[in-house]
Amino acid sequence: MSRKIKLLWDFRGPDAKETAKHHTVHLKEFAILESLNFHKIDVQEKNPMLVTAFITVDEKDMKIYRDALKPHRGEIG
């Protein structure tokens, strides 16, 4: 069984939530365009001024996403 990797992009400021939501649209477009699998695309609101957009992918696909999309950080799980 492959590990899942969560790739994250942080957005700050009064428009963080809207920007993060918009970023998820592009994450999904990229996955579909490149015919790549993913498990989940969503946002996490840490507070009104810090929102994170993320995509969860299989470890085997992580480098493709990482190299093309330049996430701010990643987590296992």
PDB file of N, CA and C in Angstrom:
ATOM      1  N   MET A   1       0.844  -1.185   0.000  1.00  0.00           N
ATOM      2  CA  MET A   1       0.000   0.000   0.000  1.00  0.00           C
ATOM      3  C   MET A   1       0.887   1.247   0.000  1.00  0.00           C
ATOM      4  N   SER A   2       0.574   2.160  -0.856  1.00  0.00           N
ATOM      5  CA  SER A   2       1.360   3.379  -1.013  1.00  0.00           C
ATOM      6  C   SER A   2       0.979   4.416   0.039  1.00  0.00           C
ATOM      7  N   ARG A   3       1.979   5.156   0.491  1.00  0.00           N
ATOM      8  CA  ARG A   3       1.685   6.259   1.414  1.00  0.00           C
ATOM      9  C   ARG A   3       1.049   7.401   0.653  1.00  0.00           C
ATOM     10  N   LYS A   4       0.275   8.177   1.374  1.00  0.00           N
ATOM     11  CA  LYS A   4      -0.335   9.371   0.796  1.00  0.00           C
ATOM     12  C   LYS A   4       0.454  10.585   1.262  1.00  0.00           C
ATOM     13  N   ILE A   5       0.649  11.521   0.358  1.00  0.00           N
ATOM     14  CA  ILE A   5       1.385  12.748   0.641  1.00  0.00           C
ATOM     15  C   ILE A   5       0.435  13.922   0.425  1.00  0.00           C
ATOM     16  N   LYS A   6       0.429  14.834   1.389  1.00  0.00           N
ATOM     17  CA  LYS A   6      -0.386  16.042   1.281  1.00  0.00           C
ATOM     18  C   LYS A   6       0.541  17.195   0.929  1.00  0.00           C
ATOM     19  N   LEU A   7       0.306  17.820  -0.223  1.00  0.00           N
ATOM     20  CA  LEU A   7       1.079  18.980  -0.663  1.00  0.00           C
ATOM     21  C   LEU A   7       0.255  20.220  -0.349  1.00  0.00           C
ATOM     22  N   LEU A   8       0.904  21.236   0.253  1.00  0.00           N
ATOM     23  CA  LEU A   8       0.183  22.386   0.782  1.00  0.00           C
ATOM     24  C   LEU A   8       0.727  23.714   0.280  1.00  0.00           C
ATOM     25  N   TRP A   9      -0.203  24.653   0.085  1.00  0.00           N
ATOM     26  CA  TRP A   9       0.117  26.033  -0.298  1.00  0.00           C
ATOM     27  C   TRP A   9      -0.587  26.952   0.690  1.00  0.00           C
ATOM     28  N   ASP A  10       0.155  27.833   1.339  1.00  0.00           N
ATOM     29  CA  ASP A  10      -0.402  28.748   2.334  1.00  0.00           C
ATOM     30  C   ASP A  10      -0.728  30.098   1.705  1.00  0.00           C
ATOM     31  N   PHE A  11      -1.877  30.629   2.082  1.00  0.00           N
ATOM     32  CA  PHE A  11      -2.306  31.951   1.620  1.00  0.00           C
ATOM     33  C   PHE A  11      -2.645  32.795   2.838  1.00  0.00           C
ATOM     34  N   ARG A  12      -2.167  34.029   2.842  1.00  0.00           N
ATOM     35  CA  ARG A  12      -2.348  34.913   3.992  1.00  0.00           C
ATOM     36  C   ARG A  12      -3.024  36.209   3.567  1.00  0.00           C
ATOM     37  N   GLY A  13      -3.720  36.811   4.521  1.00  0.00           N
ATOM     38  CA  GLY A  13      -4.339  38.104   4.280  1.00  0.00           C
ATOM     39  C   GLY A  13      -5.852  38.012   4.257  1.00  0.00           C
ATOM     40  N   PRO A  14      -6.501  39.160   4.078  1.00  0.00           N
ATOM     41  CA  PRO A  14      -7.957  39.198   4.128  1.00  0.00           C
ATOM     42  C   PRO A  14      -8.638  38.397   3.006  1.00  0.00           C
ATOM     43  N   ASP A  15      -7.940  38.150   1.913  1.00  0.00           N
ATOM     44  CA  ASP A  15      -8.510  37.389   0.800  1.00  0.00           C
ATOM     45  C   ASP A  15      -7.995  35.952   0.746  1.00  0.00           C
ATOM     46  N   ALA A  16      -7.386  35.493   1.829  1.00  0.00           N
ATOM     47  CA  ALA A  16      -6.751  34.178   1.840  1.00  0.00           C
ATOM     48  C   ALA A  16      -7.714  33.047   1.490  1.00  0.00           C
ATOM     49  N   LYS A  17      -8.911  33.078   2.043  1.00  0.00           N
ATOM     50  CA  LYS A  17      -9.857  31.985   1.804  1.00  0.00           C
ATOM     51  C   LYS A  17     -10.269  31.908   0.341  1.00  0.00           C
ATOM     52  N   GLU A  18     -10.580  33.047  -0.243  1.00  0.00           N
ATOM     53  CA  GLU A  18     -10.979  33.067  -1.649  1.00  0.00           C
ATOM     54  C   GLU A  18      -9.823  32.642  -2.556  1.00  0.00           C
ATOM     55  N   THR A  19      -8.623  33.090  -2.222  1.00  0.00           N
ATOM     56  CA  THR A  19      -7.447  32.732  -3.024  1.00  0.00           C
ATOM     57  C   THR A  19      -7.173  31.236  -2.926  1.00  0.00           C
ATOM     58  N   ALA A  20      -7.256  30.682  -1.734  1.00  0.00           N
ATOM     59  CA  ALA A  20      -7.026  29.244  -1.555  1.00  0.00           C
ATOM     60  C   ALA A  20      -8.074  28.426  -2.309  1.00  0.00           C
ATOM     61  N   LYS A  21      -9.330  28.838  -2.226  1.00  0.00           N
ATOM     62  CA  LYS A  21     -10.384  28.129  -2.963  1.00  0.00           C
ATOM     63  C   LYS A  21     -10.118  28.176  -4.464  1.00  0.00           C
ATOM     64  N   HIS A  22      -9.702  29.314  -4.958  1.00  0.00           N
ATOM     65  CA  HIS A  22      -9.388  29.447  -6.381  1.00  0.00           C
ATOM     66  C   HIS A  22      -8.201  28.556  -6.761  1.00  0.00           C
ATOM     67  N   HIS A  23      -7.228  28.464  -5.876  1.00  0.00           N
ATOM     68  CA  HIS A  23      -6.053  27.623  -6.144  1.00  0.00           C
ATOM     69  C   HIS A  23      -6.462  26.158  -6.305  1.00  0.00           C
ATOM     70  N   THR A  24      -7.458  25.709  -5.527  1.00  0.00           N
ATOM     71  CA  THR A  24      -7.898  24.315  -5.643  1.00  0.00           C
ATOM     72  C   THR A  24      -8.467  24.022  -7.033  1.00  0.00           C
ATOM     73  N   VAL A  25      -9.067  25.015  -7.661  1.00  0.00           N
ATOM     74  CA  VAL A  25      -9.577  24.834  -9.027  1.00  0.00           C
ATOM     75  C   VAL A  25      -8.419  24.490  -9.962  1.00  0.00           C
ATOM     76  N   HIS A  26      -7.316  25.213  -9.818  1.00  0.00           N
ATOM     77  CA  HIS A  26      -6.153  24.967 -10.673  1.00  0.00           C
ATOM     78  C   HIS A  26      -5.481  23.635 -10.347  1.00  0.00           C
ATOM     79  N   LEU A  27      -5.488  23.233  -9.085  1.00  0.00           N
ATOM     80  CA  LEU A  27      -4.931  21.928  -8.727  1.00  0.00           C
ATOM     81  C   LEU A  27      -5.703  20.809  -9.429  1.00  0.00           C
ATOM     82  N   LYS A  28      -7.019  20.908  -9.415  1.00  0.00           N
ATOM     83  CA  LYS A  28      -7.841  19.889 -10.062  1.00  0.00           C
ATOM     84  C   LYS A  28      -7.642  19.917 -11.577  1.00  0.00           C
ATOM     85  N   GLU A  29      -7.585  21.110 -12.165  1.00  0.00           N
ATOM     86  CA  GLU A  29      -7.348  21.224 -13.609  1.00  0.00           C
ATOM     87  C   GLU A  29      -6.031  20.568 -13.999  1.00  0.00           C
ATOM     88  N   PHE A  30      -4.979  20.797 -13.201  1.00  0.00           N
ATOM     89  CA  PHE A  30      -3.678  20.213 -13.492  1.00  0.00           C
ATOM     90  C   PHE A  30      -3.751  18.693 -13.453  1.00  0.00           C
ATOM     91  N   ALA A  31      -4.362  18.150 -12.405  1.00  0.00           N
ATOM     92  CA  ALA A  31      -4.462  16.692 -12.270  1.00  0.00           C
ATOM     93  C   ALA A  31      -5.207  16.071 -13.447  1.00  0.00           C
ATOM     94  N   ILE A  32      -6.278  16.707 -13.857  1.00  0.00           N
ATOM     95  CA  ILE A  32      -7.070  16.185 -14.979  1.00  0.00           C
ATOM     96  C   ILE A  32      -6.295  16.308 -16.286  1.00  0.00           C
ATOM     97  N   LEU A  33      -5.691  17.454 -16.514  1.00  0.00           N
ATOM     98  CA  LEU A  33      -4.928  17.686 -17.740  1.00  0.00           C
ATOM     99  C   LEU A  33      -3.776  16.692 -17.885  1.00  0.00           C
ATOM    100  N   GLU A  34      -3.104  16.396 -16.769  1.00  0.00           N
ATOM    101  CA  GLU A  34      -1.952  15.493 -16.792  1.00  0.00           C
ATOM    102  C   GLU A  34      -2.345  14.030 -16.564  1.00  0.00           C
ATOM    103  N   SER A  35      -3.637  13.759 -16.420  1.00  0.00           N
ATOM    104  CA  SER A  35      -4.157  12.404 -16.165  1.00  0.00           C
ATOM    105  C   SER A  35      -3.514  11.770 -14.930  1.00  0.00           C
ATOM    106  N   LEU A  36      -3.416  12.560 -13.874  1.00  0.00           N
ATOM    107  CA  LEU A  36      -2.824  12.094 -12.619  1.00  0.00           C
ATOM    108  C   LEU A  36      -3.923  11.825 -11.590  1.00  0.00           C
ATOM    109  N   ASN A  37      -3.684  10.826 -10.763  1.00  0.00           N
ATOM    110  CA  ASN A  37      -4.624  10.512  -9.693  1.00  0.00           C
ATOM    111  C   ASN A  37      -4.396  11.427  -8.503  1.00  0.00           C
ATOM    112  N   PHE A  38      -5.465  11.650  -7.752  1.00  0.00           N
ATOM    113  CA  PHE A  38      -5.379  12.359  -6.475  1.00  0.00           C
ATOM    114  C   PHE A  38      -6.499  11.839  -5.591  1.00  0.00           C
ATOM    115  N   HIS A  39      -6.352  12.049  -4.295  1.00  0.00           N
ATOM    116  CA  HIS A  39      -7.352  11.566  -3.348  1.00  0.00           C
ATOM    117  C   HIS A  39      -8.284  12.678  -2.891  1.00  0.00           C
ATOM    118  N   LYS A  40      -7.725  13.826  -2.618  1.00  0.00           N
ATOM    119  CA  LYS A  40      -8.551  14.909  -2.104  1.00  0.00           C
ATOM    120  C   LYS A  40      -7.902  16.250  -2.431  1.00  0.00           C
ATOM    121  N   ILE A  41      -8.749  17.218  -2.752  1.00  0.00           N
ATOM    122  CA  ILE A  41      -8.332  18.611  -2.937  1.00  0.00           C
ATOM    123  C   ILE A  41      -9.284  19.446  -2.097  1.00  0.00           C
ATOM    124  N   ASP A  42      -8.730  20.293  -1.232  1.00  0.00           N
ATOM    125  CA  ASP A  42      -9.592  21.078  -0.348  1.00  0.00           C
ATOM    126  C   ASP A  42      -8.791  22.229   0.255  1.00  0.00           C
ATOM    127  N   VAL A  43      -9.434  22.966   1.164  1.00  0.00           N
ATOM    128  CA  VAL A  43      -8.777  24.045   1.900  1.00  0.00           C
ATOM    129  C   VAL A  43      -8.922  23.785   3.400  1.00  0.00           C
ATOM    130  N   GLN A  44      -7.964  24.297   4.163  1.00  0.00           N
ATOM    131  CA  GLN A  44      -8.006  24.264   5.622  1.00  0.00           C
ATOM    132  C   GLN A  44      -7.849  25.694   6.111  1.00  0.00           C
ATOM    133  N   GLU A  45      -8.818  26.165   6.867  1.00  0.00           N
ATOM    134  CA  GLU A  45      -8.731  27.518   7.409  1.00  0.00           C
ATOM    135  C   GLU A  45      -8.153  27.446   8.814  1.00  0.00           C
ATOM    136  N   LYS A  46      -6.944  27.952   8.978  1.00  0.00           N
ATOM    137  CA  LYS A  46      -6.303  27.963  10.293  1.00  0.00           C
ATOM    138  C   LYS A  46      -6.822  29.134  11.114  1.00  0.00           C
ATOM    139  N   ASN A  47      -7.023  30.253  10.452  1.00  0.00           N
ATOM    140  CA  ASN A  47      -7.686  31.431  11.011  1.00  0.00           C
ATOM    141  C   ASN A  47      -8.077  32.296   9.821  1.00  0.00           C
ATOM    142  N   PRO A  48      -8.861  33.360  10.020  1.00  0.00           N
ATOM    143  CA  PRO A  48      -9.334  34.136   8.865  1.00  0.00           C
ATOM    144  C   PRO A  48      -8.221  34.734   7.993  1.00  0.00           C
ATOM    145  N   MET A  49      -7.024  34.834   8.545  1.00  0.00           N
ATOM    146  CA  MET A  49      -5.921  35.435   7.786  1.00  0.00           C
ATOM    147  C   MET A  49      -4.912  34.402   7.279  1.00  0.00           C
ATOM    148  N   LEU A  50      -5.159  33.097   7.519  1.00  0.00           N
ATOM    149  CA  LEU A  50      -4.248  32.043   7.061  1.00  0.00           C
ATOM    150  C   LEU A  50      -5.068  30.830   6.632  1.00  0.00           C
ATOM    151  N   VAL A  51      -5.066  30.575   5.329  1.00  0.00           N
ATOM    152  CA  VAL A  51      -5.814  29.448   4.775  1.00  0.00           C
ATOM    153  C   VAL A  51      -4.873  28.664   3.869  1.00  0.00           C
ATOM    154  N   THR A  52      -4.968  27.345   3.937  1.00  0.00           N
ATOM    155  CA  THR A  52      -4.104  26.462   3.177  1.00  0.00           C
ATOM    156  C   THR A  52      -4.915  25.684   2.154  1.00  0.00           C
ATOM    157  N   ALA A  53      -4.455  25.681   0.912  1.00  0.00           N
ATOM    158  CA  ALA A  53      -5.015  24.812  -0.123  1.00  0.00           C
ATOM    159  C   ALA A  53      -4.130  23.567  -0.159  1.00  0.00           C
ATOM    160  N   PHE A  54      -4.751  22.393  -0.373  1.00  0.00           N
ATOM    161  CA  PHE A  54      -3.947  21.179  -0.403  1.00  0.00           C
ATOM    162  C   PHE A  54      -4.503  20.163  -1.396  1.00  0.00           C
ATOM    163  N   ILE A  55      -3.597  19.275  -1.798  1.00  0.00           N
ATOM    164  CA  ILE A  55      -3.955  18.109  -2.601  1.00  0.00           C
ATOM    165  C   ILE A  55      -3.264  16.913  -1.974  1.00  0.00           C
ATOM    166  N   THR A  56      -3.992  15.815  -1.846  1.00  0.00           N
ATOM    167  CA  THR A  56      -3.432  14.581  -1.316  1.00  0.00           C
ATOM    168  C   THR A  56      -3.250  13.614  -2.476  1.00  0.00           C
ATOM    169  N   VAL A  57      -2.011  13.120  -2.623  1.00  0.00           N
ATOM    170  CA  VAL A  57      -1.654  12.256  -3.757  1.00  0.00           C
ATOM    171  C   VAL A  57      -0.903  11.032  -3.247  1.00  0.00           C
ATOM    172  N   ASP A  58      -0.793  10.022  -4.099  1.00  0.00           N
ATOM    173  CA  ASP A  58       0.036   8.862  -3.767  1.00  0.00           C
ATOM    174  C   ASP A  58       1.502   9.265  -3.825  1.00  0.00           C
ATOM    175  N   GLU A  59       2.296   8.633  -2.980  1.00  0.00           N
ATOM    176  CA  GLU A  59       3.728   8.948  -2.923  1.00  0.00           C
ATOM    177  C   GLU A  59       4.393   8.796  -4.285  1.00  0.00           C
ATOM    178  N   LYS A  60       3.970   7.824  -5.079  1.00  0.00           N
ATOM    179  CA  LYS A  60       4.586   7.594  -6.394  1.00  0.00           C
ATOM    180  C   LYS A  60       4.384   8.771  -7.361  1.00  0.00           C
ATOM    181  N   ASP A  61       3.319   9.566  -7.150  1.00  0.00           N
ATOM    182  CA  ASP A  61       3.037  10.711  -8.017  1.00  0.00           C
ATOM    183  C   ASP A  61       3.535  12.038  -7.434  1.00  0.00           C
ATOM    184  N   MET A  62       4.008  12.016  -6.216  1.00  0.00           N
ATOM    185  CA  MET A  62       4.359  13.242  -5.504  1.00  0.00           C
ATOM    186  C   MET A  62       5.380  14.091  -6.253  1.00  0.00           C
ATOM    187  N   LYS A  63       6.417  13.494  -6.802  1.00  0.00           N
ATOM    188  CA  LYS A  63       7.467  14.279  -7.463  1.00  0.00           C
ATOM    189  C   LYS A  63       6.943  15.020  -8.690  1.00  0.00           C
ATOM    190  N   ILE A  64       6.020  14.423  -9.408  1.00  0.00           N
ATOM    191  CA  ILE A  64       5.438  15.088 -10.574  1.00  0.00           C
ATOM    192  C   ILE A  64       4.718  16.359 -10.133  1.00  0.00           C
ATOM    193  N   TYR A  65       3.861  16.211  -9.114  1.00  0.00           N
ATOM    194  CA  TYR A  65       3.140  17.366  -8.583  1.00  0.00           C
ATOM    195  C   TYR A  65       4.105  18.394  -7.989  1.00  0.00           C
ATOM    196  N   ARG A  66       5.052  17.933  -7.182  1.00  0.00           N
ATOM    197  CA  ARG A  66       5.993  18.842  -6.515  1.00  0.00           C
ATOM    198  C   ARG A  66       6.802  19.656  -7.515  1.00  0.00           C
ATOM    199  N   ASP A  67       7.352  18.998  -8.504  1.00  0.00           N
ATOM    200  CA  ASP A  67       8.211  19.691  -9.467  1.00  0.00           C
ATOM    201  C   ASP A  67       7.432  20.676 -10.334  1.00  0.00           C
ATOM    202  N   ALA A  68       6.199  20.334 -10.677  1.00  0.00           N
ATOM    203  CA  ALA A  68       5.403  21.200 -11.547  1.00  0.00           C
ATOM    204  C   ALA A  68       4.730  22.340 -10.795  1.00  0.00           C
ATOM    205  N   LEU A  69       4.292  22.077  -9.561  1.00  0.00           N
ATOM    206  CA  LEU A  69       3.438  23.036  -8.860  1.00  0.00           C
ATOM    207  C   LEU A  69       4.106  23.770  -7.700  1.00  0.00           C
ATOM    208  N   LYS A  70       5.289  23.356  -7.298  1.00  0.00           N
ATOM    209  CA  LYS A  70       6.078  24.046  -6.262  1.00  0.00           C
ATOM    210  C   LYS A  70       5.279  24.337  -4.975  1.00  0.00           C
ATOM    211  N   PRO A  71       4.815  23.284  -4.284  1.00  0.00           N
ATOM    212  CA  PRO A  71       4.093  23.531  -3.031  1.00  0.00           C
ATOM    213  C   PRO A  71       5.015  24.165  -1.988  1.00  0.00           C
ATOM    214  N   HIS A  72       4.408  24.821  -1.016  1.00  0.00           N
ATOM    215  CA  HIS A  72       5.175  25.440   0.062  1.00  0.00           C
ATOM    216  C   HIS A  72       5.738  24.390   1.012  1.00  0.00           C
ATOM    217  N   ARG A  73       4.998  23.279   1.166  1.00  0.00           N
ATOM    218  CA  ARG A  73       5.462  22.210   2.048  1.00  0.00           C
ATOM    219  C   ARG A  73       4.642  20.955   1.763  1.00  0.00           C
ATOM    220  N   GLY A  74       5.046  19.872   2.414  1.00  0.00           N
ATOM    221  CA  GLY A  74       4.333  18.605   2.269  1.00  0.00           C
ATOM    222  C   GLY A  74       4.287  17.871   3.592  1.00  0.00           C
ATOM    223  N   GLU A  75       3.329  16.967   3.708  1.00  0.00           N
ATOM    224  CA  GLU A  75       3.167  16.149   4.912  1.00  0.00           C
ATOM    225  C   GLU A  75       2.822  14.729   4.483  1.00  0.00           C
ATOM    226  N   ILE A  76       3.206  13.766   5.297  1.00  0.00           N
ATOM    227  CA  ILE A  76       2.792  12.388   5.069  1.00  0.00           C
ATOM    228  C   ILE A  76       1.404  12.228   5.666  1.00  0.00           C
ATOM    229  N   GLY A  77       0.539  11.581   4.905  1.00  0.00           N
ATOM    230  CA  GLY A  77      -0.809  11.311   5.434  1.00  0.00           C
ATOM    231  C   GLY A  77      -1.803  12.092   4.797  1.00  0.00           C
TER     232      GLY A  77
END
